[in-house]
Amino acid sequence: MIHRTLSGTIQGVTVYTVEVETNCSDKEVEMGGPVFHVIGLPDAAIRESKERIRSAIWASGLQTPRGNVMVNLAPAAMRKAGALYDLPIALCLIAFKDGLPAQALANTMVVGELGLNGEVRGIVGALPLAMHAKELGLKRMIVPAENAREAAAVEGLAVYGVETLAEAVRLCCHPEQFQPVQVDVRRLFEEAQRSGLDFVDVKGQESAKRALVIAAAGNHNLLMVGSPGVGKSLIANRIPGILPPLTLAEAMEVTKLYSIAGLLPKDGGLMVERPFRAPHHTVSDAGLLGGGKGIPHPGEITLAHRGVLFLDELPEFRRNVLEALRQPLENGEVTVARASGAFVFPCRFMLVAAMNPCPCGYYGAPGNRCRCLPMQVQSYRSRISGPLLDRIDLHVEVPPLPKDTLTAKRSGPSSAQLREQILAARAVQQRRFQGTGILSNADIAGTALDRFCTLTDSARKFLDLALNAKHLSARSYDRILRVARTCADLNGHAEITDAEVSESCQYRVLDQELRPQEDPWG
């Protein structure tokens, strides 16, 4: 008799069903005793599972079939990886000797790694596996206790967390004695702790704060340029405190990605705050975009999905890494191609970058402190290509603070006050884009620009003059309209005025400064 149950495998961010089927023969091979085979393109961790499973069953006081054991992971043509099949294989084998009810494993997905002593250890990807189980119409899922709260975030699926193999067997034999894990998703959002970093700590830099409010309100990309110590990183680290909260759908997306990457905290549950990722400038292209040996893993840009990716010291990143950002910034997804296939990862994030104006960092600073040669300044700035600059909506200079501002007491708007402005602008966008699939002003494209970015006559004339003077690209023109749309939302205007176009244009000044055509000291 063949025993079966369901499990799953994760390829990139996509989950596929895996049917675990076992067959046992009473006849032993003539030489060498019984054999234990696992087929279906298993990796090394799965091939080693037979030793973990046997030891776990013996340590739990249960029995295994004495004859030959054949385990098939179907579909056979798909590669499988990881130790999450230990528990389903063990339960199927126990069914041969310990008399599990015929329907014990029916309509159930089972995942979990086994220890030699019979404990059930946590796995990665429990949430996407649970989401897939619900899509299949399954009613029950058995997971390690460590992953129970994570998987239980999926409504309509009874999730049972088990700590040992013996407990899993009792669950299959007497399900009425167990209660599924319950997670109050609404309470998780209510108890979410916002970043303790507040914008009231930032002295001066009102122009940078304004640019950041615009960026957060419209989900625009932002580049800050300034000398060391002027507050670029200080400002960037306070961004999470002013961003709108995640919706439930966005929280499920983000938690799914962190679950696959194995970065969820041990207590599980949903990630209810927008992610903030700040990779070091030595990061590789695989670390930033995703990749690795075997099945690719999510990179930093995917882990920043629905949140912020902060790149400090932007020119110090390797050129190939920066250029690889161009397509993800435009499309909101990255494709990692391997011999086994192409894997698509979502990466809709707000890019916030910071850089110095020159190698020493003091070009243009008071006191004539810069000692860089003109060629060094131009070489440093040219590390940021024109196409990449075009994809950054706002370029803002962060100047050194005067002494009276440095010595004054901290004042200015708090993060809570700035967040109110941003939430009001986002609410306007939500009403405007209802039913269009557009989430924010940064996503407006094509004919939607003509529809949603209407200009007053004076604003249109001003924009024509600015385009002739600045010689901006078509992409820069579109981004000026999007930023102006956000400025109008913050100001409560239905139409874009010339003041908002003027403000938007000033954030493209660095297009020319970062691509000097003449002596930068001339």
Protein backbone atom coordinates (compact mmCIF):
# COMPACT_ATOMS: atom_id res chain seq x y z
CA MET A 1 0.00 0.00 0.00
CA ILE A 2 1.25 3.49 -0.86
CA HIS A 3 0.89 6.36 1.62
CA ARG A 4 0.79 9.96 0.42
CA THR A 5 0.70 13.50 1.74
CA LEU A 6 1.34 16.95 0.34
CA SER A 7 4.25 19.32 0.84
CA GLY A 8 5.77 22.09 -1.27
CA THR A 9 8.90 23.57 -2.76
CA ILE A 10 9.86 27.21 -3.29
CA GLN A 11 11.55 28.25 -6.53
CA GLY A 12 12.51 31.91 -6.25
CA VAL A 13 9.31 33.36 -4.77
CA THR A 14 6.95 30.86 -6.40
CA VAL A 15 5.61 27.85 -4.52
CA TYR A 16 4.93 24.52 -6.21
CA THR A 17 3.09 21.51 -4.85
CA VAL A 18 5.15 18.42 -4.02
CA GLU A 19 3.42 15.10 -3.42
CA VAL A 20 5.30 12.88 -0.99
CA GLU A 21 4.53 9.23 -1.64
CA THR A 22 6.09 6.22 0.08
CA ASN A 23 6.05 2.51 -0.67
CA CYS A 24 7.48 -0.29 1.44
CA SER A 25 8.30 -3.86 0.51
CA ASP A 26 8.48 -6.70 3.04
CA LYS A 27 11.28 -8.31 1.05
CA GLU A 28 14.82 -7.28 1.94
CA VAL A 29 17.60 -7.32 -0.57
CA GLU A 30 19.73 -10.42 -0.43
CA MET A 31 22.95 -8.52 0.29
CA GLY A 32 23.27 -5.63 2.69
CA GLY A 33 19.81 -5.61 4.33
CA PRO A 34 16.95 -3.16 3.66
CA VAL A 35 17.43 -0.05 1.53
CA PHE A 36 15.97 3.45 1.78
CA HIS A 37 15.75 5.35 -1.51
CA VAL A 38 14.56 8.93 -2.09
CA ILE A 39 13.93 9.84 -5.70
CA GLY A 40 12.55 12.89 -7.50
CA LEU A 41 15.65 15.08 -8.00
CA PRO A 42 16.49 15.56 -4.29
CA ASP A 43 19.45 17.63 -3.13
CA ALA A 44 22.04 16.47 -0.57
CA ALA A 45 19.95 17.60 2.41
CA ILE A 46 17.02 15.46 1.23
CA ARG A 47 19.21 12.44 0.45
CA GLU A 48 20.56 12.59 3.99
CA SER A 49 17.05 12.73 5.42
CA LYS A 50 16.81 8.92 5.72
CA GLU A 51 19.28 8.93 8.61
CA ARG A 52 17.49 11.77 10.41
CA ILE A 53 14.11 10.12 9.88
CA ARG A 54 15.18 6.69 11.15
CA SER A 55 16.81 8.16 14.25
CA ALA A 56 13.82 10.42 14.96
CA ILE A 57 11.36 7.54 14.66
CA TRP A 58 13.39 5.30 16.98
CA ALA A 59 13.90 8.11 19.52
CA SER A 60 10.12 8.70 19.51
CA GLY A 61 9.40 5.07 20.40
CA LEU A 62 7.80 4.37 17.04
CA GLN A 63 8.55 1.79 14.38
CA THR A 64 9.65 1.89 10.76
CA PRO A 65 9.02 -0.71 8.07
CA ARG A 66 11.72 -3.39 8.03
CA GLY A 67 11.74 -3.90 4.30
CA ASN A 68 12.82 -1.72 1.42
CA VAL A 69 11.55 1.86 1.48
CA MET A 70 11.00 3.94 -1.64
CA VAL A 71 10.14 7.64 -1.33
CA ASN A 72 9.14 9.65 -4.39
CA LEU A 73 8.87 13.43 -4.45
CA ALA A 74 6.59 14.31 -7.34
CA PRO A 75 6.76 15.91 -9.84
CA ALA A 76 9.96 14.04 -10.51
CA ALA A 77 11.30 16.55 -13.05
CA MET A 78 11.46 19.44 -10.53
CA ARG A 79 14.49 19.85 -8.30
CA LYS A 80 13.82 19.86 -4.56
CA ALA A 81 15.98 21.32 -1.84
CA GLY A 82 16.00 21.61 1.94
CA ALA A 83 15.02 19.48 4.92
CA LEU A 84 11.32 20.41 5.04
CA TYR A 85 10.34 16.94 3.72
CA ASP A 86 11.60 15.09 6.82
CA LEU A 87 8.30 15.29 8.71
CA PRO A 88 5.95 14.31 5.84
CA ILE A 89 8.19 11.36 4.89
CA ALA A 90 8.35 10.19 8.52
CA LEU A 91 4.57 10.36 8.96
CA CYS A 92 4.02 8.37 5.77
CA LEU A 93 6.45 5.68 6.98
CA ILE A 94 4.87 5.52 10.43
CA ALA A 95 1.50 4.95 8.75
CA PHE A 96 2.76 1.52 7.62
CA LYS A 97 3.45 0.25 11.15
CA ASP A 98 1.56 2.32 13.72
CA GLY A 99 -1.81 2.40 12.10
CA LEU A 100 -2.50 6.06 11.38
CA PRO A 101 -6.10 6.52 10.23
CA ALA A 102 -6.59 6.26 6.50
CA GLN A 103 -7.58 9.93 6.24
CA ALA A 104 -4.98 11.22 8.71
CA LEU A 105 -2.82 12.86 6.04
CA ALA A 106 -5.55 13.65 3.51
CA ASN A 107 -6.29 17.28 2.61
CA THR A 108 -3.23 18.30 4.63
CA MET A 109 0.09 19.96 3.85
CA VAL A 110 3.00 18.86 6.06
CA VAL A 111 6.41 20.52 6.36
CA GLY A 112 9.19 20.31 8.92
CA GLU A 113 12.79 19.26 9.59
CA LEU A 114 13.53 16.50 12.10
CA GLY A 115 16.28 16.29 14.68
CA LEU A 116 17.85 12.98 15.64
CA ASN A 117 15.93 13.04 18.93
CA GLY A 118 12.56 13.47 17.22
CA GLU A 119 12.18 17.23 17.65
CA VAL A 120 10.62 19.18 14.79
CA ARG A 121 12.78 22.12 13.75
CA GLY A 122 11.80 25.30 11.98
CA ILE A 123 12.04 25.86 8.24
CA VAL A 124 12.15 28.86 5.90
CA GLY A 125 9.19 29.79 3.75
CA ALA A 126 6.36 28.66 6.03
CA LEU A 127 4.13 31.63 5.11
CA PRO A 128 4.30 31.23 1.30
CA LEU A 129 3.75 27.49 1.77
CA ALA A 130 0.66 28.23 3.87
CA MET A 131 -0.61 30.70 1.25
CA HIS A 132 -0.15 28.00 -1.39
CA ALA A 133 -1.99 25.44 0.75
CA LYS A 134 -4.97 27.78 0.96
CA GLU A 135 -4.89 28.33 -2.82
CA LEU A 136 -5.05 24.54 -3.26
CA GLY A 137 -8.18 24.43 -1.11
CA LEU A 138 -6.54 22.48 1.71
CA LYS A 139 -8.07 22.78 5.17
CA ARG A 140 -5.13 21.89 7.41
CA MET A 141 -1.39 22.37 7.64
CA ILE A 142 1.12 20.82 10.04
CA VAL A 143 4.24 22.93 10.62
CA PRO A 144 7.02 23.21 13.21
CA ALA A 145 5.87 25.07 16.33
CA GLU A 146 8.52 27.70 15.56
CA ASN A 147 6.70 28.57 12.30
CA ALA A 148 3.13 28.26 13.56
CA ARG A 149 2.40 31.97 14.13
CA GLU A 150 3.89 32.85 10.77
CA ALA A 151 1.77 30.34 8.85
CA ALA A 152 -1.35 31.09 10.92
CA ALA A 153 -1.46 34.61 9.48
CA VAL A 154 -3.21 33.02 6.46
CA GLU A 155 -6.93 33.16 7.14
CA GLY A 156 -9.10 30.15 6.32
CA LEU A 157 -6.37 27.57 6.97
CA ALA A 158 -6.13 25.57 10.22
CA VAL A 159 -2.45 25.61 11.17
CA TYR A 160 -1.12 23.21 13.80
CA GLY A 161 2.35 23.66 15.27
CA VAL A 162 4.14 20.57 16.56
CA GLU A 163 7.35 20.37 18.59
CA THR A 164 8.07 16.65 18.21
CA LEU A 165 7.40 13.80 15.82
CA ALA A 166 5.42 11.99 18.52
CA GLU A 167 3.17 15.06 18.88
CA ALA A 168 2.60 15.10 15.11
CA VAL A 169 1.54 11.44 15.25
CA ARG A 170 -0.91 12.16 18.09
CA LEU A 171 -2.31 15.07 16.07
CA CYS A 172 -2.94 12.77 13.10
CA CYS A 173 -4.58 10.11 15.30
CA HIS A 174 -6.61 12.42 17.57
CA PRO A 175 -7.06 15.81 15.84
CA GLU A 176 -9.96 16.68 18.15
CA GLN A 177 -7.49 17.03 21.04
CA PHE A 178 -5.60 19.89 19.35
CA GLN A 179 -6.51 23.50 18.61
CA PRO A 180 -5.15 25.37 15.58
CA VAL A 181 -2.91 28.36 16.23
CA GLN A 182 -4.72 31.70 16.17
CA VAL A 183 -3.13 35.03 15.19
CA ASP A 184 -4.90 38.37 15.62
CA VAL A 185 -3.61 40.23 12.57
CA ARG A 186 -5.43 43.45 13.47
CA ARG A 187 -3.74 43.49 16.88
CA LEU A 188 -0.34 43.05 15.25
CA PHE A 189 -0.91 46.25 13.29
CA GLU A 190 -2.16 48.08 16.37
CA GLU A 191 0.88 47.05 18.41
CA ALA A 192 3.39 47.94 15.69
CA GLN A 193 6.19 50.04 17.11
CA ARG A 194 7.31 52.87 14.87
CA SER A 195 10.94 53.91 14.63
CA GLY A 196 12.12 55.79 17.70
CA LEU A 197 14.18 58.13 15.51
CA ASP A 198 12.44 61.50 15.12
CA PHE A 199 12.94 64.32 12.62
CA VAL A 200 12.87 66.80 15.47
CA ASP A 201 16.48 65.68 16.12
CA VAL A 202 17.58 67.04 12.73
CA LYS A 203 18.77 70.63 13.02
CA GLY A 204 18.10 72.87 10.04
CA GLN A 205 18.19 71.27 6.57
CA GLU A 206 14.67 72.43 5.80
CA SER A 207 15.15 71.99 2.04
CA ALA A 208 16.25 68.38 2.53
CA LYS A 209 13.29 67.71 4.84
CA ARG A 210 10.91 69.15 2.27
CA ALA A 211 12.40 66.96 -0.46
CA LEU A 212 12.07 63.93 1.78
CA VAL A 213 8.41 64.70 2.50
CA ILE A 214 7.77 64.93 -1.25
CA ALA A 215 9.63 61.66 -1.83
CA ALA A 216 7.68 59.84 0.88
CA ALA A 217 4.34 61.31 -0.21
CA GLY A 218 4.74 60.20 -3.84
CA ASN A 219 7.10 57.23 -3.33
CA HIS A 220 9.78 59.02 -5.37
CA ASN A 221 13.48 58.19 -5.51
CA LEU A 222 15.79 60.69 -3.82
CA LEU A 223 19.50 61.55 -4.01
CA MET A 224 21.17 63.73 -1.34
CA VAL A 225 24.51 65.39 -2.09
CA GLY A 226 26.55 67.02 0.64
CA SER A 227 29.81 67.09 2.55
CA PRO A 228 30.54 64.59 5.35
CA GLY A 229 28.75 65.34 8.61
CA VAL A 230 25.96 67.53 7.24
CA GLY A 231 23.25 65.01 8.20
CA LYS A 232 22.54 62.88 5.12
CA SER A 233 22.54 59.55 6.99
CA LEU A 234 20.81 61.16 9.97
CA ILE A 235 17.94 62.18 7.70
CA ALA A 236 17.77 58.87 5.84
CA ASN A 237 17.59 56.78 9.02
CA ARG A 238 14.45 58.64 10.08
CA ILE A 239 12.49 57.82 6.93
CA PRO A 240 10.68 54.74 8.37
CA GLY A 241 9.04 56.98 10.99
CA ILE A 242 7.18 59.06 8.38
CA LEU A 243 6.16 56.41 5.85
CA PRO A 244 2.52 55.28 5.61
CA PRO A 245 1.78 51.96 7.35
CA LEU A 246 1.68 48.78 5.32
CA THR A 247 -1.68 47.50 4.19
CA LEU A 248 -2.54 43.88 5.00
CA ALA A 249 -1.86 42.82 1.40
CA GLU A 250 1.52 44.60 1.43
CA ALA A 251 2.38 43.07 4.82
CA MET A 252 1.69 39.59 3.43
CA GLU A 253 3.94 40.34 0.43
CA VAL A 254 6.82 41.57 2.58
CA THR A 255 6.49 38.77 5.15
CA LYS A 256 6.47 36.20 2.36
CA LEU A 257 9.79 37.52 1.03
CA TYR A 258 11.42 37.63 4.46
CA SER A 259 10.12 34.14 5.19
CA ILE A 260 11.74 32.80 2.03
CA ALA A 261 14.98 34.57 2.92
CA GLY A 262 14.88 33.13 6.46
CA LEU A 263 14.97 36.60 8.03
CA LEU A 264 11.75 36.55 10.06
CA PRO A 265 12.15 36.77 13.85
CA LYS A 266 11.65 33.53 15.75
CA ASP A 267 8.33 34.63 17.25
CA GLY A 268 6.96 34.73 13.70
CA GLY A 269 3.88 36.74 12.80
CA LEU A 270 3.54 39.40 10.13
CA MET A 271 5.98 42.19 9.32
CA VAL A 272 3.78 45.24 9.78
CA GLU A 273 6.44 47.95 9.29
CA ARG A 274 7.93 48.96 5.96
CA PRO A 275 11.42 47.50 5.49
CA PHE A 276 14.49 49.71 5.50
CA ARG A 277 17.59 48.15 3.92
CA ALA A 278 21.00 49.79 3.89
CA PRO A 279 23.58 47.49 2.24
CA HIS A 280 27.28 48.35 2.44
CA HIS A 281 28.90 49.74 -0.70
CA THR A 282 30.99 46.54 -1.04
CA VAL A 283 27.84 44.49 -1.77
CA SER A 284 28.04 42.26 -4.85
CA ASP A 285 25.53 42.30 -7.68
CA ALA A 286 24.15 38.95 -6.45
CA GLY A 287 23.81 40.35 -2.94
CA LEU A 288 21.95 43.40 -4.20
CA LEU A 289 19.84 41.90 -6.98
CA GLY A 290 19.52 38.30 -5.77
CA GLY A 291 21.20 35.08 -6.78
CA GLY A 292 23.56 32.55 -5.25
CA LYS A 293 24.24 28.90 -5.95
CA GLY A 294 21.37 26.63 -6.87
CA ILE A 295 17.96 28.27 -6.58
CA PRO A 296 18.48 32.08 -6.36
CA HIS A 297 17.69 33.87 -3.11
CA PRO A 298 16.17 37.37 -2.77
CA GLY A 299 18.66 40.24 -2.81
CA GLU A 300 18.63 43.56 -0.96
CA ILE A 301 16.36 45.27 -3.48
CA THR A 302 13.75 42.53 -3.03
CA LEU A 303 14.07 42.70 0.77
CA ALA A 304 13.36 46.44 0.41
CA HIS A 305 10.09 45.70 -1.44
CA ARG A 306 7.33 48.13 -0.33
CA GLY A 307 9.95 49.96 1.74
CA VAL A 308 13.20 51.90 1.42
CA LEU A 309 16.59 51.00 -0.04
CA PHE A 310 19.25 53.37 1.30
CA LEU A 311 22.55 53.47 -0.59
CA ASP A 312 25.07 55.57 1.31
CA GLU A 313 28.26 56.68 -0.48
CA LEU A 314 26.61 55.96 -3.83
CA PRO A 315 29.70 56.45 -6.07
CA GLU A 316 31.61 53.91 -3.99
CA PHE A 317 29.34 51.09 -5.18
CA ARG A 318 30.75 49.13 -8.08
CA ARG A 319 29.69 50.41 -11.48
CA ASN A 320 28.15 47.10 -12.60
CA VAL A 321 26.09 46.96 -9.39
CA LEU A 322 24.70 50.46 -9.90
CA GLU A 323 23.93 49.93 -13.57
CA ALA A 324 22.07 46.74 -12.71
CA LEU A 325 19.61 48.89 -10.73
CA ARG A 326 18.30 50.61 -13.84
CA GLN A 327 15.84 47.94 -14.94
CA PRO A 328 14.46 47.16 -11.44
CA LEU A 329 13.91 50.88 -10.78
CA GLU A 330 11.88 51.13 -13.97
CA ASN A 331 9.90 47.88 -13.82
CA GLY A 332 9.59 47.11 -10.11
CA GLU A 333 10.94 43.59 -10.54
CA VAL A 334 14.24 41.87 -11.21
CA THR A 335 14.83 38.73 -13.25
CA VAL A 336 17.64 36.39 -12.24
CA ALA A 337 18.45 33.96 -15.07
CA ARG A 338 19.98 30.57 -14.38
CA ALA A 339 20.46 27.41 -16.43
CA SER A 340 17.48 25.91 -14.58
CA GLY A 341 15.25 28.84 -15.53
CA ALA A 342 14.47 32.50 -14.93
CA PHE A 343 13.34 33.65 -11.49
CA VAL A 344 11.41 36.90 -11.05
CA PHE A 345 11.61 38.79 -7.74
CA PRO A 346 9.42 41.82 -6.89
CA CYS A 347 11.29 45.01 -5.91
CA ARG A 348 9.04 48.06 -5.72
CA PHE A 349 11.00 50.23 -3.33
CA MET A 350 11.82 53.88 -2.72
CA LEU A 351 15.50 54.49 -3.45
CA VAL A 352 17.22 56.97 -1.14
CA ALA A 353 20.88 57.58 -1.93
CA ALA A 354 23.57 59.83 -0.51
CA MET A 355 26.94 60.93 -1.85
CA ASN A 356 29.72 63.46 -1.34
CA PRO A 357 30.28 66.16 -3.98
CA CYS A 358 33.89 65.01 -4.57
CA PRO A 359 36.38 62.36 -3.39
CA CYS A 360 37.46 64.34 -0.32
CA GLY A 361 33.89 65.42 0.32
CA TYR A 362 34.40 69.20 0.66
CA TYR A 363 33.93 70.55 -2.88
CA GLY A 364 31.94 73.76 -2.60
CA ALA A 365 32.08 73.78 1.21
CA PRO A 366 32.88 77.07 3.05
CA GLY A 367 36.55 77.72 3.73
CA ASN A 368 37.84 76.33 0.41
CA ARG A 369 38.73 73.02 2.10
CA CYS A 370 38.57 70.90 -1.06
CA ARG A 371 41.94 69.80 -2.46
CA CYS A 372 40.67 67.56 -5.27
CA LEU A 373 41.87 68.19 -8.83
CA PRO A 374 39.22 69.03 -11.44
CA MET A 375 39.81 65.68 -13.15
CA GLN A 376 39.28 63.85 -9.84
CA VAL A 377 35.99 65.66 -9.23
CA GLN A 378 34.72 64.85 -12.72
CA SER A 379 35.84 61.22 -12.49
CA TYR A 380 34.12 60.82 -9.13
CA ARG A 381 30.85 62.29 -10.32
CA SER A 382 30.87 60.33 -13.56
CA ARG A 383 30.59 57.09 -11.60
CA ILE A 384 26.85 57.87 -11.50
CA SER A 385 25.67 57.39 -15.06
CA GLY A 386 23.15 59.63 -16.77
CA PRO A 387 20.55 56.87 -17.22
CA LEU A 388 20.70 56.07 -13.50
CA LEU A 389 20.35 59.76 -12.59
CA ASP A 390 17.32 60.02 -14.85
CA ARG A 391 15.62 57.36 -12.73
CA ILE A 392 16.08 59.35 -9.52
CA ASP A 393 13.22 61.84 -9.19
CA LEU A 394 14.69 64.31 -6.71
CA HIS A 395 18.28 65.55 -6.40
CA VAL A 396 18.81 67.72 -3.36
CA GLU A 397 21.89 69.44 -1.99
CA VAL A 398 22.45 69.19 1.77
CA PRO A 399 24.67 72.15 2.73
CA PRO A 400 26.81 72.53 5.86
CA LEU A 401 24.93 74.14 8.74
CA PRO A 402 25.85 77.63 9.97
CA LYS A 403 27.16 77.92 13.52
CA ASP A 404 24.04 79.58 14.92
CA THR A 405 21.91 76.65 13.70
CA LEU A 406 24.32 74.09 15.15
CA THR A 407 24.33 75.71 18.58
CA ALA A 408 20.57 76.36 18.68
CA LYS A 409 18.12 74.03 20.38
CA ARG A 410 16.50 71.35 18.29
CA SER A 411 13.19 72.44 16.85
CA GLY A 412 11.11 72.02 13.75
CA PRO A 413 8.42 69.53 12.74
CA SER A 414 8.40 66.08 14.33
CA SER A 415 8.07 62.81 12.43
CA ALA A 416 4.42 62.59 13.51
CA GLN A 417 3.67 66.00 11.99
CA LEU A 418 5.44 65.16 8.75
CA ARG A 419 3.65 61.83 8.59
CA GLU A 420 0.27 63.59 8.78
CA GLN A 421 1.14 65.60 5.65
CA ILE A 422 2.28 62.45 3.86
CA LEU A 423 -0.81 60.44 4.82
CA ALA A 424 -3.07 63.25 3.59
CA ALA A 425 -1.29 63.31 0.22
CA ARG A 426 -1.40 59.52 -0.03
CA ALA A 427 -5.15 59.58 0.67
CA VAL A 428 -5.62 61.97 -2.27
CA GLN A 429 -3.66 59.61 -4.50
CA GLN A 430 -5.62 56.60 -3.32
CA ARG A 431 -8.90 58.25 -4.31
CA ARG A 432 -7.47 59.47 -7.62
CA PHE A 433 -6.05 56.13 -8.72
CA GLN A 434 -8.89 53.91 -7.51
CA GLY A 435 -9.47 51.13 -10.01
CA THR A 436 -6.43 52.02 -12.17
CA GLY A 437 -3.80 49.75 -10.59
CA ILE A 438 -1.57 52.79 -9.89
CA LEU A 439 -0.43 52.94 -6.26
CA SER A 440 1.39 56.29 -6.07
CA ASN A 441 2.42 59.29 -8.16
CA ALA A 442 5.79 57.68 -8.88
CA ASP A 443 3.97 54.93 -10.81
CA ILE A 444 2.15 57.26 -13.24
CA ALA A 445 3.22 56.49 -16.81
CA GLY A 446 2.13 56.86 -20.43
CA THR A 447 -1.29 58.33 -21.08
CA ALA A 448 -1.95 58.43 -17.33
CA LEU A 449 0.47 61.38 -17.14
CA ASP A 450 -1.79 63.41 -19.43
CA ARG A 451 -4.85 62.34 -17.48
CA PHE A 452 -3.65 62.93 -13.92
CA CYS A 453 -0.97 65.62 -14.32
CA THR A 454 -3.01 68.52 -15.65
CA LEU A 455 -1.18 71.87 -15.70
CA THR A 456 -2.43 75.41 -15.53
CA ASP A 457 -1.56 77.60 -18.53
CA SER A 458 1.16 79.45 -16.62
CA ALA A 459 2.60 76.17 -15.36
CA ARG A 460 2.79 74.78 -18.90
CA LYS A 461 4.60 77.88 -20.15
CA PHE A 462 7.04 77.71 -17.24
CA LEU A 463 7.75 74.02 -17.93
CA ASP A 464 8.43 74.74 -21.63
CA LEU A 465 10.97 77.40 -20.65
CA ALA A 466 12.63 75.06 -18.16
CA LEU A 467 12.94 72.26 -20.71
CA ASN A 468 14.56 74.57 -23.25
CA ALA A 469 17.01 75.90 -20.65
CA LYS A 470 17.99 72.59 -19.04
CA HIS A 471 17.96 70.29 -22.09
CA LEU A 472 16.42 67.51 -20.00
CA SER A 473 15.65 64.02 -21.28
CA ALA A 474 12.14 62.74 -21.92
CA ARG A 475 12.43 60.58 -18.79
CA SER A 476 13.40 63.64 -16.74
CA TYR A 477 10.37 65.48 -18.13
CA ASP A 478 8.06 62.70 -16.97
CA ARG A 479 9.63 62.69 -13.52
CA ILE A 480 9.25 66.45 -13.21
CA LEU A 481 5.52 66.02 -13.86
CA ARG A 482 5.22 63.25 -11.27
CA VAL A 483 7.06 65.24 -8.60
CA ALA A 484 4.99 68.33 -9.43
CA ARG A 485 1.85 66.21 -9.04
CA THR A 486 3.00 65.23 -5.55
CA CYS A 487 3.81 68.84 -4.66
CA ALA A 488 0.28 69.80 -5.74
CA ASP A 489 -1.20 67.00 -3.60
CA LEU A 490 0.74 68.25 -0.57
CA ASN A 491 -0.48 71.80 -1.29
CA GLY A 492 -4.08 70.68 -1.81
CA HIS A 493 -4.26 71.70 -5.50
CA ALA A 494 -6.23 69.76 -8.11
CA GLU A 495 -4.21 71.30 -10.96
CA ILE A 496 -0.44 71.71 -11.02
CA THR A 497 0.58 75.36 -10.74
CA ASP A 498 3.74 77.11 -11.90
CA ALA A 499 5.01 77.23 -8.29
CA GLU A 500 4.86 73.43 -8.10
CA VAL A 501 6.52 73.02 -11.49
CA SER A 502 9.24 75.41 -10.34
CA GLU A 503 9.79 73.42 -7.16
CA SER A 504 9.91 70.18 -9.12
CA CYS A 505 12.42 71.57 -11.63
CA GLN A 506 14.80 72.67 -8.91
CA TYR A 507 15.24 69.03 -7.96
CA ARG A 508 16.77 68.33 -11.39
CA VAL A 509 19.65 70.83 -11.00
CA LEU A 510 22.13 68.06 -10.25
CA ASP A 511 21.50 66.51 -13.67
CA GLN A 512 24.01 69.02 -14.99
CA GLU A 513 26.22 69.30 -11.92
CA LEU A 514 26.85 65.58 -11.68
CA ARG A 515 27.61 65.36 -15.41
CA PRO A 516 29.94 68.34 -15.89
CA GLN A 517 30.78 69.29 -19.42
CA GLU A 518 33.33 71.89 -18.42
CA ASP A 519 35.94 72.42 -15.72
CA PRO A 520 33.95 71.92 -12.47
CA TRP A 521 36.04 74.67 -10.91
CA GLY A 522 35.56 77.07 -13.81
